[in-house]
Amino acid sequence: MFYELWKHGGAAALIALSAIVTTAGFMLLYLRCLPQGGPGHWAAAATAFGAVAAAPSWGARPQMFTFALASLLLWLLEAGEHRPRLLFWIPPLFLLWLNLHAGFALGPALILAYAVGLLLETAVGSTAWHQARPILLRVLLLLLACLALMPLNPSGAQLYRYPFDTLRSPGMRSFIVEWFSPDFHQWLYRSFLLLWLLVLTALATSRWRPKGRVIVPLLLTAFAALDAVRHIPIFVLVAAPGIAAALTAAGGTHVSKSARPGAPAPEPVSSRFQPLFNATVLILMAGFAMVNWVSLARNQDARVAERFPERAVSFLRAGHYPERIFVYYDWGGYAIWKLYPEYRVFVDGRADLYGDDLLRQSIQTVVEIRTGWRDVLDRWKVEAVLVPPSCALAQALLLDPNWHAAFRDSRAIILLRTHPAPENAENLDGFSSKGQNSEKMFPRAIPNLRN
């Protein structure tokens, strides 16, 4: 899907799609924040603040589908309490979700948390069993239906294991930044910290008394967001409606002290200009969005040049250099996009596909110059290295007579072997030469490849 959009519309199409998908998720969140028959200003405030807290995760990436579909799932669960027929949309929604992004595992997790919350309500007596029983039965049937649909994807039944393998992967949690806990010393995550404090304040001081079906998902997503920054948007989806409810309850209805019993109610402010005002706001917002889309699309090439080794990659494309390249991990996907199939990259950003062992060899052993780093380069017959000049690996190879610098600028350095790799090095299939059938060899480079 992303490739077709890029082919026909370039970066602008990807930016527009991601913006629309993200906005749809927040629109559904706003609908869940709206009080019954009350004003929507607190709902708008909670949604906007949640958007700021979730901003570090935004981007042109499949993860935005998980955000929007999780938002839709929560809306269907809540609306399904009064309109059960809406719940029939959840299984096809989940089937779409598990074929779009690996975050599909959040779907069953949220449904299960909702069911556990219902059981908690009956246990403490806040909801009668005869009221909770039909809702609980429908939710459990939905959970079973979603689990039964999981093999309907290109990877088949392996997806049952995939979420657990990812969560238990030491490599993912040690090397991938979005799997780190949020660092509140960075301004990037201060909004999330304030959101957390608002939730705690709402629970402690307001008249908002959430039910178990809200508390359990809130605790689950709160723990997940503190564990990994990639889960912050999901926490926003659960926390924002509670904050809006607390603000609405705290605001209440203000009665003027000067009002006398029996006095006529004040005349409401004329709403003749309200439609015009709403239309003006929509037009301004649409104009703002279009200007930003155009600006982002025009500046895309400059942003790419700032983040990636554009000149170094152009240097490789212009000449004939050794094909087996060890590339800095953050640049792996960019290098494949620009250099494939003439050059083969050791490891790129698809960490879950390569496995912990290769990640450890690439990011930890080689880049950080740990014991055995030369053996890794020799064993895999690495012939070229593309890394930042300040990298420890670059400094070590500059002092090695077996390597020499072929290109260098402020962003990247390319180092080539002066002498070939040792003859006893393994002829591994991770890299292929230009005369070989590389399409057959490349998949065997990653024995634990799952997708």
Protein backbone atom coordinates (compact mmCIF):
# COMPACT_ATOMS: atom_id res chain seq x y z
CA MET A 1 0.00 0.00 0.00
CA PHE A 2 2.74 2.44 0.97
CA TYR A 3 4.79 1.62 -2.10
CA GLU A 4 1.87 2.21 -4.47
CA LEU A 5 1.16 5.55 -2.80
CA TRP A 6 4.79 6.56 -3.07
CA LYS A 7 4.99 5.43 -6.72
CA HIS A 8 2.03 7.56 -7.76
CA GLY A 9 2.19 10.46 -5.30
CA GLY A 10 5.66 10.50 -3.79
CA ALA A 11 6.33 11.53 -0.21
CA ALA A 12 3.32 13.89 -0.23
CA ALA A 13 0.91 10.95 -0.61
CA LEU A 14 2.48 9.11 2.33
CA ILE A 15 2.34 12.23 4.50
CA ALA A 16 -1.30 12.87 3.60
CA LEU A 17 -2.35 9.26 4.25
CA SER A 18 -0.62 9.16 7.64
CA ALA A 19 -2.15 12.50 8.62
CA ILE A 20 -5.65 11.33 7.66
CA VAL A 21 -5.30 8.00 9.49
CA THR A 22 -3.96 9.72 12.62
CA THR A 23 -6.69 12.36 12.55
CA ALA A 24 -9.36 9.66 12.20
CA GLY A 25 -8.04 8.04 15.37
CA PHE A 26 -8.25 11.31 17.29
CA MET A 27 -11.70 12.08 15.90
CA LEU A 28 -12.98 8.80 17.33
CA LEU A 29 -11.24 9.66 20.60
CA TYR A 30 -13.04 13.01 20.68
CA LEU A 31 -16.39 11.27 20.20
CA ARG A 32 -15.61 9.03 23.18
CA CYS A 33 -14.68 12.07 25.27
CA LEU A 34 -17.95 13.91 24.58
CA PRO A 35 -20.26 14.01 27.62
CA GLN A 36 -23.85 12.87 27.28
CA GLY A 37 -25.75 15.96 26.13
CA GLY A 38 -23.09 18.29 27.54
CA PRO A 39 -20.71 20.83 26.00
CA GLY A 40 -17.72 19.56 24.07
CA HIS A 41 -15.02 22.02 25.12
CA TRP A 42 -13.52 19.70 27.75
CA ALA A 43 -13.61 16.82 25.26
CA ALA A 44 -11.75 18.97 22.74
CA ALA A 45 -9.19 20.03 25.37
CA ALA A 46 -8.52 16.42 26.48
CA THR A 47 -8.22 15.23 22.89
CA ALA A 48 -5.83 18.04 21.93
CA PHE A 49 -3.66 17.45 24.97
CA GLY A 50 -3.61 13.72 24.22
CA ALA A 51 -2.49 14.51 20.68
CA VAL A 52 0.46 16.51 22.01
CA ALA A 53 1.44 13.68 24.37
CA ALA A 54 1.28 11.11 21.55
CA ALA A 55 3.13 13.29 19.02
CA PRO A 56 6.55 11.53 19.38
CA SER A 57 5.04 8.41 17.77
CA TRP A 58 3.53 10.13 14.73
CA GLY A 59 4.95 9.43 11.29
CA ALA A 60 4.42 7.85 7.89
CA ARG A 61 4.52 4.33 9.26
CA PRO A 62 2.14 1.36 9.57
CA GLN A 63 2.00 1.93 13.33
CA MET A 64 -0.51 4.73 12.68
CA PHE A 65 -2.99 2.08 11.50
CA THR A 66 -2.72 0.42 14.90
CA PHE A 67 -3.48 3.74 16.59
CA ALA A 68 -6.57 4.44 14.45
CA LEU A 69 -7.90 0.87 14.62
CA ALA A 70 -7.37 0.67 18.40
CA SER A 71 -9.34 3.91 18.69
CA LEU A 72 -12.13 2.42 16.56
CA LEU A 73 -12.11 -0.80 18.62
CA LEU A 74 -12.55 1.11 21.89
CA TRP A 75 -15.38 3.19 20.37
CA LEU A 76 -17.16 0.02 19.18
CA LEU A 77 -16.78 -1.66 22.59
CA GLU A 78 -18.26 1.32 24.42
CA ALA A 79 -21.03 1.99 21.91
CA GLY A 80 -21.78 -1.74 21.75
CA GLU A 81 -23.00 -1.69 25.35
CA HIS A 82 -26.17 0.05 24.15
CA ARG A 83 -26.13 -1.03 20.50
CA PRO A 84 -24.86 -4.64 20.46
CA ARG A 85 -25.04 -4.91 16.68
CA LEU A 86 -22.03 -2.61 16.41
CA LEU A 87 -19.91 -5.37 17.94
CA PHE A 88 -20.28 -7.41 14.74
CA TRP A 89 -17.88 -4.95 13.10
CA ILE A 90 -15.02 -5.94 15.41
CA PRO A 91 -14.02 -9.30 13.78
CA PRO A 92 -13.66 -7.84 10.24
CA LEU A 93 -11.89 -4.84 11.77
CA PHE A 94 -9.44 -7.22 13.48
CA LEU A 95 -8.89 -9.19 10.26
CA LEU A 96 -7.88 -5.96 8.52
CA TRP A 97 -5.72 -4.93 11.48
CA LEU A 98 -3.65 -8.12 11.66
CA ASN A 99 -2.78 -7.73 7.96
CA LEU A 100 -1.72 -4.09 8.33
CA HIS A 101 0.54 -3.95 11.38
CA ALA A 102 1.97 -6.20 14.07
CA GLY A 103 0.31 -4.07 16.74
CA PHE A 104 -2.84 -6.15 16.13
CA ALA A 105 -2.06 -7.93 19.43
CA LEU A 106 -3.39 -4.85 21.24
CA GLY A 107 -6.89 -5.76 20.02
CA PRO A 108 -7.31 -9.01 22.00
CA ALA A 109 -5.41 -7.46 24.91
CA LEU A 110 -7.87 -4.53 25.15
CA ILE A 111 -10.88 -6.83 24.78
CA LEU A 112 -9.57 -9.11 27.52
CA ALA A 113 -8.88 -6.14 29.81
CA TYR A 114 -12.43 -4.91 29.20
CA ALA A 115 -13.79 -8.37 30.16
CA VAL A 116 -11.65 -8.52 33.31
CA GLY A 117 -12.91 -5.06 34.25
CA LEU A 118 -16.50 -6.27 33.93
CA LEU A 119 -15.76 -9.19 36.24
CA LEU A 120 -14.17 -6.77 38.70
CA GLU A 121 -17.33 -4.67 38.69
CA THR A 122 -19.48 -7.66 39.57
CA ALA A 123 -17.02 -8.77 42.27
CA VAL A 124 -17.15 -5.41 44.08
CA GLY A 125 -20.89 -5.06 43.56
CA SER A 126 -20.87 -1.93 41.42
CA THR A 127 -22.65 -3.77 38.58
CA ALA A 128 -25.24 -6.51 39.03
CA TRP A 129 -24.38 -9.88 37.52
CA HIS A 130 -27.56 -10.04 35.45
CA GLN A 131 -26.56 -6.73 33.82
CA ALA A 132 -22.93 -7.64 33.23
CA ARG A 133 -23.54 -11.23 32.08
CA PRO A 134 -24.82 -10.54 28.51
CA ILE A 135 -22.13 -7.91 27.89
CA LEU A 136 -19.43 -10.23 29.21
CA LEU A 137 -20.67 -13.11 27.07
CA ARG A 138 -20.59 -10.97 23.91
CA VAL A 139 -17.10 -9.69 24.71
CA LEU A 140 -15.69 -13.18 25.32
CA LEU A 141 -17.22 -14.43 22.07
CA LEU A 142 -15.57 -11.51 20.28
CA LEU A 143 -12.24 -12.40 21.86
CA LEU A 144 -12.54 -16.01 20.66
CA ALA A 145 -13.52 -14.84 17.16
CA CYS A 146 -10.47 -12.55 16.95
CA LEU A 147 -8.14 -15.32 18.11
CA ALA A 148 -9.63 -17.70 15.54
CA LEU A 149 -8.96 -15.16 12.75
CA MET A 150 -5.26 -14.70 13.51
CA PRO A 151 -3.96 -17.39 11.08
CA LEU A 152 -5.62 -15.54 8.16
CA ASN A 153 -2.46 -13.65 7.18
CA PRO A 154 0.66 -14.36 5.07
CA SER A 155 2.55 -15.70 8.10
CA GLY A 156 -0.22 -18.08 9.18
CA ALA A 157 -0.36 -19.44 12.70
CA GLN A 158 3.10 -18.06 13.49
CA LEU A 159 1.41 -14.82 14.48
CA TYR A 160 0.22 -16.50 17.67
CA ARG A 161 3.85 -16.50 18.83
CA TYR A 162 4.98 -13.27 17.25
CA PRO A 163 3.79 -10.77 19.93
CA PHE A 164 5.31 -12.85 22.72
CA ASP A 165 8.61 -13.30 20.86
CA THR A 166 8.79 -9.54 20.31
CA LEU A 167 8.05 -8.64 23.92
CA ARG A 168 10.60 -11.16 25.20
CA SER A 169 13.34 -10.16 22.75
CA PRO A 170 16.36 -8.73 24.63
CA GLY A 171 17.69 -7.27 21.38
CA MET A 172 14.53 -5.30 20.65
CA ARG A 173 14.34 -3.91 24.17
CA SER A 174 18.06 -3.15 24.40
CA PHE A 175 18.77 -1.59 21.01
CA ILE A 176 15.52 -0.08 19.64
CA VAL A 177 14.78 3.40 21.04
CA GLU A 178 10.99 3.21 20.84
CA TRP A 179 11.08 0.12 23.07
CA PHE A 180 12.86 2.11 25.80
CA SER A 181 11.00 3.61 28.74
CA PRO A 182 10.21 7.34 28.29
CA ASP A 183 12.98 9.63 29.52
CA PHE A 184 11.20 12.45 31.33
CA HIS A 185 14.37 14.55 31.22
CA GLN A 186 13.60 15.07 27.53
CA TRP A 187 11.00 17.70 26.61
CA LEU A 188 9.63 15.24 24.09
CA TYR A 189 7.96 13.25 26.89
CA ARG A 190 6.98 16.04 29.31
CA SER A 191 3.45 16.14 27.87
CA PHE A 192 3.08 12.44 28.58
CA LEU A 193 4.24 13.04 32.16
CA LEU A 194 1.62 15.80 32.57
CA LEU A 195 -1.02 13.46 31.14
CA TRP A 196 -0.06 10.86 33.75
CA LEU A 197 -0.35 13.45 36.53
CA LEU A 198 -3.76 14.56 35.23
CA VAL A 199 -5.01 10.96 35.34
CA LEU A 200 -3.78 10.52 38.93
CA THR A 201 -5.33 13.84 39.95
CA ALA A 202 -8.63 12.94 38.29
CA LEU A 203 -8.76 9.61 40.11
CA ALA A 204 -7.89 11.14 43.48
CA THR A 205 -9.86 14.38 43.65
CA SER A 206 -12.73 14.54 41.18
CA ARG A 207 -16.25 13.23 41.15
CA TRP A 208 -15.27 10.94 38.28
CA ARG A 209 -15.61 7.36 39.44
CA PRO A 210 -14.62 5.07 36.55
CA LYS A 211 -15.96 1.55 36.28
CA GLY A 212 -13.82 -1.56 36.31
CA ARG A 213 -14.09 -1.87 32.53
CA VAL A 214 -12.24 1.49 32.36
CA ILE A 215 -9.82 0.99 35.26
CA VAL A 216 -8.32 -2.31 34.05
CA PRO A 217 -7.51 -1.11 30.47
CA LEU A 218 -6.21 2.13 32.01
CA LEU A 219 -3.80 0.23 34.28
CA LEU A 220 -2.73 -2.07 31.44
CA THR A 221 -1.95 0.73 29.00
CA ALA A 222 -0.37 2.92 31.71
CA PHE A 223 2.11 0.16 32.52
CA ALA A 224 2.76 -0.43 28.80
CA ALA A 225 3.38 3.29 28.17
CA LEU A 226 5.87 3.49 31.04
CA ASP A 227 7.56 0.35 29.73
CA ALA A 228 7.94 1.50 26.09
CA VAL A 229 7.37 4.86 24.40
CA ARG A 230 5.68 3.20 21.40
CA HIS A 231 2.67 2.46 23.65
CA ILE A 232 2.07 6.08 24.71
CA PRO A 233 -0.61 6.70 22.00
CA ILE A 234 -2.61 3.68 23.21
CA PHE A 235 -2.50 5.02 26.78
CA VAL A 236 -3.79 8.35 25.42
CA LEU A 237 -6.79 6.56 23.89
CA VAL A 238 -7.76 5.13 27.28
CA ALA A 239 -6.81 8.07 29.50
CA ALA A 240 -8.23 11.05 27.57
CA PRO A 241 -11.94 10.15 28.03
CA GLY A 242 -11.37 9.84 31.78
CA ILE A 243 -9.67 13.23 31.93
CA ALA A 244 -12.52 14.80 29.94
CA ALA A 245 -15.08 13.21 32.30
CA ALA A 246 -13.16 14.47 35.35
CA LEU A 247 -12.94 18.01 33.96
CA THR A 248 -16.65 18.01 33.10
CA ALA A 249 -17.53 16.75 36.59
CA ALA A 250 -15.28 19.32 38.24
CA GLY A 251 -16.68 22.16 36.13
CA GLY A 252 -20.32 21.38 36.94
CA THR A 253 -22.99 23.99 36.28
CA HIS A 254 -22.22 27.46 37.56
CA VAL A 255 -25.14 29.35 39.09
CA SER A 256 -24.81 33.09 39.57
CA LYS A 257 -25.10 34.27 43.15
CA SER A 258 -27.22 37.21 42.02
CA ALA A 259 -29.90 34.94 40.58
CA ARG A 260 -33.13 35.15 42.60
CA PRO A 261 -35.49 32.22 43.12
CA GLY A 262 -38.31 32.41 40.63
CA ALA A 263 -36.45 34.87 38.39
CA PRO A 264 -36.69 34.14 34.66
CA ALA A 265 -33.76 32.33 33.11
CA PRO A 266 -31.40 34.53 31.08
CA GLU A 267 -31.91 34.55 27.36
CA PRO A 268 -29.40 32.34 25.51
CA VAL A 269 -26.88 34.05 23.31
CA SER A 270 -28.10 34.24 19.74
CA SER A 271 -26.78 31.40 17.60
CA ARG A 272 -27.46 32.99 14.23
CA PHE A 273 -23.75 33.22 13.48
CA GLN A 274 -22.84 29.80 14.84
CA PRO A 275 -22.97 27.95 11.46
CA LEU A 276 -20.87 30.69 9.87
CA PHE A 277 -18.38 30.49 12.72
CA ASN A 278 -18.15 26.69 12.43
CA ALA A 279 -17.65 26.86 8.67
CA THR A 280 -14.92 29.48 9.08
CA VAL A 281 -13.09 27.31 11.62
CA LEU A 282 -13.27 24.27 9.33
CA ILE A 283 -11.97 26.27 6.36
CA LEU A 284 -9.08 27.66 8.39
CA MET A 285 -8.18 24.22 9.73
CA ALA A 286 -8.31 22.70 6.24
CA GLY A 287 -6.11 25.49 4.92
CA PHE A 288 -3.65 25.01 7.77
CA ALA A 289 -3.50 21.26 7.04
CA MET A 290 -2.92 21.78 3.31
CA VAL A 291 -0.16 24.33 3.92
CA ASN A 292 1.56 21.92 6.30
CA TRP A 293 1.25 18.99 3.87
CA VAL A 294 2.78 21.06 1.07
CA SER A 295 5.55 22.32 3.35
CA LEU A 296 6.41 18.83 4.59
CA ALA A 297 6.42 17.40 1.07
CA ARG A 298 8.66 20.18 -0.26
CA ASN A 299 11.12 19.84 2.61
CA GLN A 300 11.21 16.05 2.52
CA ASP A 301 14.41 15.80 0.48
CA ALA A 302 16.17 18.25 2.79
CA ARG A 303 15.04 16.30 5.87
CA VAL A 304 16.30 13.05 4.34
CA ALA A 305 19.68 14.66 3.60
CA GLU A 306 19.89 15.81 7.24
CA ARG A 307 19.23 12.36 8.71
CA PHE A 308 20.89 9.97 6.25
CA PRO A 309 24.28 9.67 4.46
CA GLU A 310 23.03 10.90 1.10
CA ARG A 311 26.42 11.87 -0.33
CA ALA A 312 28.09 8.66 0.82
CA VAL A 313 25.39 6.52 -0.79
CA SER A 314 25.65 8.54 -4.01
CA PHE A 315 29.40 7.86 -3.96
CA LEU A 316 28.75 4.11 -3.77
CA ARG A 317 26.17 4.22 -6.56
CA ALA A 318 28.57 6.11 -8.83
CA GLY A 319 31.37 3.52 -8.61
CA HIS A 320 32.12 -0.16 -8.43
CA TYR A 321 32.97 -1.05 -4.87
CA PRO A 322 32.74 -4.23 -2.78
CA GLU A 323 29.12 -5.32 -2.47
CA ARG A 324 29.06 -6.66 1.10
CA ILE A 325 28.47 -3.60 3.26
CA PHE A 326 28.18 -3.22 7.00
CA VAL A 327 25.92 -0.17 7.47
CA TYR A 328 25.15 1.72 10.67
CA TYR A 329 21.90 0.27 12.01
CA ASP A 330 19.81 3.46 11.73
CA TRP A 331 20.82 3.79 8.07
CA GLY A 332 20.16 0.19 7.01
CA GLY A 333 16.73 0.74 5.49
CA TYR A 334 17.89 3.85 3.65
CA ALA A 335 20.89 1.98 2.24
CA ILE A 336 18.70 -0.89 1.00
CA TRP A 337 16.28 1.58 -0.60
CA LYS A 338 19.08 3.33 -2.47
CA LEU A 339 21.61 0.55 -3.14
CA TYR A 340 19.69 -2.71 -3.65
CA PRO A 341 20.33 -5.00 -5.52
CA GLU A 342 23.89 -4.00 -6.43
CA TYR A 343 24.89 -3.84 -2.77
CA ARG A 344 23.82 -6.02 0.16
CA VAL A 345 23.40 -4.64 3.67
CA PHE A 346 24.34 -6.64 6.79
CA VAL A 347 21.42 -5.60 9.04
CA ASP A 348 18.67 -2.99 8.66
CA GLY A 349 15.85 -1.67 10.85
CA ARG A 350 13.62 -4.78 10.70
CA ALA A 351 14.95 -5.93 14.05
CA ASP A 352 12.25 -8.52 14.73
CA LEU A 353 13.10 -10.37 11.51
CA TYR A 354 16.85 -10.64 12.06
CA GLY A 355 16.75 -11.95 15.61
CA ASP A 356 18.70 -11.15 18.75
CA ASP A 357 21.96 -12.82 17.72
CA LEU A 358 22.46 -10.79 14.54
CA LEU A 359 21.36 -7.60 16.30
CA ARG A 360 23.91 -8.22 19.03
CA GLN A 361 26.65 -8.85 16.46
CA SER A 362 25.78 -5.70 14.54
CA ILE A 363 24.86 -3.09 17.14
CA GLN A 364 26.75 -4.25 20.19
CA THR A 365 29.79 -6.29 19.19
CA VAL A 366 30.90 -4.49 16.02
CA VAL A 367 29.72 -0.89 16.44
CA GLU A 368 30.81 -0.70 20.08
CA ILE A 369 34.13 -2.53 19.42
CA ARG A 370 33.57 -5.34 21.88
CA THR A 371 35.49 -8.59 22.10
CA GLY A 372 35.30 -10.48 18.81
CA TRP A 373 34.30 -7.55 16.61
CA ARG A 374 36.98 -8.32 13.99
CA ASP A 375 35.86 -11.95 13.91
CA VAL A 376 32.31 -10.85 13.01
CA LEU A 377 33.54 -8.75 10.07
CA ASP A 378 35.83 -11.54 8.88
CA ARG A 379 33.31 -14.34 9.36
CA TRP A 380 30.68 -12.54 7.31
CA LYS A 381 33.30 -11.37 4.77
CA VAL A 382 32.35 -7.73 5.19
CA GLU A 383 34.23 -5.76 2.53
CA ALA A 384 32.93 -2.22 3.14
CA VAL A 385 31.72 -0.25 6.15
CA LEU A 386 29.40 2.78 6.15
CA VAL A 387 29.15 4.44 9.57
CA PRO A 388 29.31 7.92 11.17
CA PRO A 389 32.90 9.27 11.42
CA SER A 390 32.61 9.54 15.21
CA CYS A 391 31.66 5.86 15.54
CA ALA A 392 34.12 3.72 17.52
CA LEU A 393 34.22 1.23 14.63
CA ALA A 394 35.32 3.96 12.21
CA GLN A 395 38.11 5.10 14.53
CA ALA A 396 39.36 1.55 14.98
CA LEU A 397 39.37 0.74 11.25
CA LEU A 398 41.21 3.98 10.41
CA LEU A 399 44.09 2.66 12.52
CA ASP A 400 43.96 -0.77 10.86
CA PRO A 401 46.34 -1.21 7.87
CA ASN A 402 43.88 -3.71 6.36
CA TRP A 403 41.31 -0.95 5.89
CA HIS A 404 41.35 2.48 4.25
CA ALA A 405 38.88 5.38 3.92
CA ALA A 406 37.39 5.76 0.43
CA PHE A 407 34.94 8.57 1.28
CA ARG A 408 34.44 10.90 4.20
CA ASP A 409 32.30 13.91 5.04
CA SER A 410 30.77 15.34 8.20
CA ARG A 411 27.98 12.74 8.25
CA ALA A 412 29.48 9.45 7.09
CA ILE A 413 32.65 7.59 6.27
CA ILE A 414 33.11 4.66 3.89
CA LEU A 415 35.93 2.26 4.70
CA LEU A 416 37.06 -0.52 2.34
CA ARG A 417 39.27 -3.54 2.91
CA THR A 418 42.76 -3.06 1.61
CA HIS A 419 43.26 -6.82 1.63
CA PRO A 420 40.58 -9.49 1.13
CA ALA A 421 38.97 -11.21 4.09
CA PRO A 422 40.75 -14.33 5.41
CA GLU A 423 40.29 -17.41 3.27
CA ASN A 424 38.89 -19.41 6.18
CA ALA A 425 36.01 -16.97 6.61
CA GLU A 426 32.60 -18.50 6.17
CA ASN A 427 30.96 -17.92 2.78
CA LEU A 428 27.65 -16.83 4.30
CA ASP A 429 24.68 -16.07 2.11
CA GLY A 430 23.85 -12.74 3.74
CA PHE A 431 25.81 -10.97 1.04
CA SER A 432 25.95 -11.89 -2.62
CA SER A 433 28.27 -10.93 -5.43
CA LYS A 434 27.02 -9.40 -8.65
CA GLY A 435 27.39 -12.56 -10.70
CA GLN A 436 25.45 -14.85 -8.38
CA ASN A 437 21.80 -15.69 -7.99
CA SER A 438 21.33 -13.32 -5.07
CA GLU A 439 17.55 -13.70 -4.93
CA LYS A 440 17.93 -17.35 -3.92
CA MET A 441 20.82 -16.73 -1.54
CA PHE A 442 19.57 -13.75 0.43
CA PRO A 443 16.69 -15.41 2.36
CA ARG A 444 19.11 -17.98 3.82
CA ALA A 445 21.10 -15.18 5.42
CA ILE A 446 18.51 -14.96 8.19
CA PRO A 447 17.67 -18.46 9.44
CA ASN A 448 14.96 -17.23 11.81
CA LEU A 449 13.21 -15.06 9.21
CA ARG A 450 9.48 -15.28 9.96
CA ASN A 451 7.77 -13.06 7.43
